[in-house]
Amino acid sequence: MRIKSLILSAMTIVAMSLYPAIYSSAEESEEETELVVEDTIILYEDFDNYDVGKWVAFGGGKIFLDNTVSHSGDQSLKITDRSNSYEGPSLSCDNLLSPGEAYMFNGWVYHESDNVEKISWTAKLRDEFGASSFVQLASADIEPGTWTNLANSVQIPEEAVECMIYFEC
């Protein structure tokens, strides 16, 4: 593991609901149905409230707010003193995400190493029997000193009863 610190900014989770919309055309006498996507922001964090909130270090490291670099606003979330690649900022999403639903994950990451590094945004899921599984939400090879957007839409498996998201590199 070469990256000792990782910085996050402007994190968003959006619930994507898909529902049928029925409409009638003035030119046609028949009703038609189309699927409509409705987005609802369920988490937005730019860390400008000067609070780490419910973000914690997963597995080790020290997590704190930092004002030396940010993607938007004045603050970012930084983790240092990491020993393993999976040790990164994490957030329990048990009360935010619902099994079977689709979500758009969007966040900005930055690192301070000398090399291009792969950074992944991962969900750790647990089923009712206690078995854990991992879903990669987004991943990219990132240049040092460059803000990079990690984004992807993912459906949470039906069998998930616990969910925690975290960053690793």
Protein backbone atom coordinates (compact mmCIF):
# COMPACT_ATOMS: atom_id res chain seq x y z
CA MET A 1 0.00 0.00 0.00
CA ARG A 2 1.56 3.26 -1.13
CA ILE A 3 -1.19 5.79 -0.38
CA LYS A 4 -1.07 6.86 3.24
CA SER A 5 -3.85 9.47 2.87
CA LEU A 6 -7.05 9.72 0.85
CA ILE A 7 -9.36 12.76 0.54
CA LEU A 8 -13.10 12.85 -0.28
CA SER A 9 -15.40 15.72 -1.27
CA ALA A 10 -18.95 16.27 -2.56
CA MET A 11 -20.50 12.84 -1.98
CA THR A 12 -24.03 12.12 -3.29
CA ILE A 13 -26.32 9.10 -3.23
CA VAL A 14 -29.46 9.37 -5.33
CA ALA A 15 -32.40 6.93 -5.22
CA MET A 16 -33.59 6.17 -8.74
CA SER A 17 -37.26 5.20 -8.83
CA LEU A 18 -38.74 3.81 -12.01
CA TYR A 19 -42.50 4.04 -12.44
CA PRO A 20 -44.97 3.85 -15.33
CA ALA A 21 -46.54 7.06 -16.61
CA ILE A 22 -49.74 6.76 -18.64
CA TYR A 23 -50.63 9.47 -21.11
CA SER A 24 -52.95 10.04 -24.02
CA SER A 25 -51.87 11.61 -27.25
CA ALA A 26 -54.11 14.24 -28.85
CA GLU A 27 -53.53 12.59 -32.21
CA GLU A 28 -54.23 9.06 -31.01
CA SER A 29 -57.22 7.69 -29.16
CA GLU A 30 -55.15 5.10 -27.28
CA GLU A 31 -53.36 5.56 -24.00
CA GLU A 32 -49.65 4.85 -23.96
CA THR A 33 -47.34 3.98 -21.09
CA GLU A 34 -43.72 4.96 -20.72
CA LEU A 35 -41.31 4.39 -17.88
CA VAL A 36 -40.21 7.49 -16.02
CA VAL A 37 -37.16 7.75 -13.76
CA GLU A 38 -37.53 9.94 -10.67
CA ASP A 39 -34.39 10.82 -8.74
CA THR A 40 -34.39 11.63 -5.02
CA ILE A 41 -31.22 12.77 -3.26
CA ILE A 42 -30.91 10.73 -0.08
CA LEU A 43 -27.39 11.83 0.89
CA TYR A 44 -25.35 14.89 0.00
CA GLU A 45 -22.17 15.69 1.90
CA ASP A 46 -19.64 18.37 1.06
CA PHE A 47 -18.27 18.47 4.63
CA ASP A 48 -18.71 22.27 4.81
CA ASN A 49 -20.80 21.84 7.97
CA TYR A 50 -17.45 21.30 9.75
CA ASP A 51 -18.50 17.85 10.95
CA VAL A 52 -17.43 14.39 9.81
CA GLY A 53 -20.99 13.26 10.57
CA LYS A 54 -21.34 9.48 10.62
CA TRP A 55 -18.24 8.84 8.49
CA VAL A 56 -15.72 6.62 10.29
CA ALA A 57 -12.42 4.96 9.45
CA PHE A 58 -13.01 1.40 8.21
CA GLY A 59 -10.42 -0.99 9.60
CA GLY A 60 -7.96 1.64 10.80
CA GLY A 61 -6.55 5.08 10.20
CA LYS A 62 -7.39 8.55 11.42
CA ILE A 63 -10.33 10.45 9.87
CA PHE A 64 -10.78 14.22 10.08
CA LEU A 65 -11.84 17.34 8.18
CA ASP A 66 -9.19 19.08 6.10
CA ASN A 67 -9.21 22.58 4.60
CA THR A 68 -5.98 22.39 2.60
CA VAL A 69 -7.67 20.94 -0.51
CA SER A 70 -11.31 20.44 -1.52
CA HIS A 71 -13.23 19.84 -4.72
CA SER A 72 -16.09 22.16 -3.82
CA GLY A 73 -16.57 24.29 -0.75
CA ASP A 74 -14.03 24.77 2.01
CA GLN A 75 -13.67 21.33 3.59
CA SER A 76 -12.95 17.75 2.62
CA LEU A 77 -12.78 14.49 4.53
CA LYS A 78 -9.30 13.05 4.92
CA ILE A 79 -8.02 9.73 6.24
CA THR A 80 -4.38 9.23 7.22
CA ASP A 81 -2.28 6.70 9.13
CA ARG A 82 -3.57 3.79 7.02
CA SER A 83 -1.85 0.41 7.08
CA ASN A 84 -3.99 -1.59 4.61
CA SER A 85 -5.59 -0.79 1.25
CA TYR A 86 -9.14 -1.40 2.53
CA GLU A 87 -8.74 1.15 5.35
CA GLY A 88 -10.71 4.15 4.16
CA PRO A 89 -13.59 6.46 4.98
CA SER A 90 -16.81 4.49 5.50
CA LEU A 91 -20.48 5.20 6.12
CA SER A 92 -23.22 2.86 7.32
CA CYS A 93 -26.14 3.04 4.88
CA ASP A 94 -28.52 0.72 6.75
CA ASN A 95 -31.10 3.50 7.16
CA LEU A 96 -30.47 5.07 3.73
CA LEU A 97 -30.59 2.23 1.19
CA SER A 98 -33.34 -0.31 0.57
CA PRO A 99 -32.77 -3.82 -0.82
CA GLY A 100 -33.87 -4.22 -4.43
CA GLU A 101 -33.70 -0.48 -5.14
CA ALA A 102 -31.31 1.23 -7.57
CA TYR A 103 -29.04 4.10 -6.55
CA MET A 104 -26.61 6.47 -8.25
CA PHE A 105 -23.37 6.89 -6.29
CA ASN A 106 -21.31 9.98 -7.06
CA GLY A 107 -18.24 11.28 -5.25
CA TRP A 108 -14.95 13.07 -5.77
CA VAL A 109 -11.64 11.55 -4.62
CA TYR A 110 -8.07 12.84 -4.41
CA HIS A 111 -4.82 11.34 -3.17
CA GLU A 112 -1.39 12.64 -2.28
CA SER A 113 1.03 9.96 -3.43
CA ASP A 114 3.68 10.06 -6.14
CA ASN A 115 2.03 7.48 -8.44
CA VAL A 116 -1.19 6.77 -10.32
CA GLU A 117 -3.31 4.71 -7.92
CA LYS A 118 -6.50 2.68 -8.28
CA ILE A 119 -9.20 3.95 -5.92
CA SER A 120 -12.41 1.97 -5.47
CA TRP A 121 -15.75 2.81 -3.91
CA THR A 122 -17.12 -0.41 -2.44
CA ALA A 123 -20.29 -1.56 -0.66
CA LYS A 124 -19.98 -4.23 2.01
CA LEU A 125 -23.30 -6.06 2.24
CA ARG A 126 -24.47 -8.57 4.83
CA ASP A 127 -27.42 -10.94 4.43
CA GLU A 128 -29.78 -12.26 7.13
CA PHE A 129 -27.46 -15.22 7.78
CA GLY A 130 -24.45 -12.97 8.44
CA ALA A 131 -22.65 -13.73 5.17
CA SER A 132 -20.79 -10.75 3.74
CA SER A 133 -20.42 -9.83 0.09
CA PHE A 134 -18.75 -6.90 -1.62
CA VAL A 135 -19.99 -4.86 -4.58
CA GLN A 136 -17.70 -2.43 -6.35
CA LEU A 137 -19.69 0.78 -6.83
CA ALA A 138 -17.05 2.59 -8.90
CA SER A 139 -13.31 2.48 -9.51
CA ALA A 140 -10.65 4.41 -11.42
CA ASP A 141 -6.90 4.79 -11.85
CA ILE A 142 -6.25 8.26 -10.47
CA GLU A 143 -3.37 10.67 -11.00
CA PRO A 144 -1.88 12.16 -7.82
CA GLY A 145 -3.04 15.66 -6.91
CA THR A 146 -6.09 15.45 -9.21
CA TRP A 147 -9.76 15.43 -8.21
CA THR A 148 -11.50 12.54 -9.96
CA ASN A 149 -15.21 11.73 -10.04
CA LEU A 150 -16.26 8.17 -9.18
CA ALA A 151 -19.85 7.50 -10.25
CA ASN A 152 -22.04 4.53 -11.07
CA SER A 153 -25.57 3.26 -10.59
CA VAL A 154 -26.04 0.01 -8.67
CA GLN A 155 -29.03 -2.02 -7.52
CA ILE A 156 -28.79 -3.20 -3.92
CA PRO A 157 -29.40 -6.99 -3.79
CA GLU A 158 -32.74 -8.12 -2.31
CA GLU A 159 -31.02 -10.26 0.33
CA ALA A 160 -28.98 -7.37 1.82
CA VAL A 161 -29.97 -6.47 5.40
CA GLU A 162 -26.90 -4.32 6.17
CA CYS A 163 -24.87 -2.02 3.93
CA MET A 164 -21.74 -0.03 4.51
CA ILE A 165 -19.96 1.98 1.81
CA TYR A 166 -16.24 2.67 1.93
CA PHE A 167 -13.29 3.78 -0.19
CA GLU A 168 -10.14 1.75 -0.67
CA CYS A 169 -6.85 2.19 -2.48
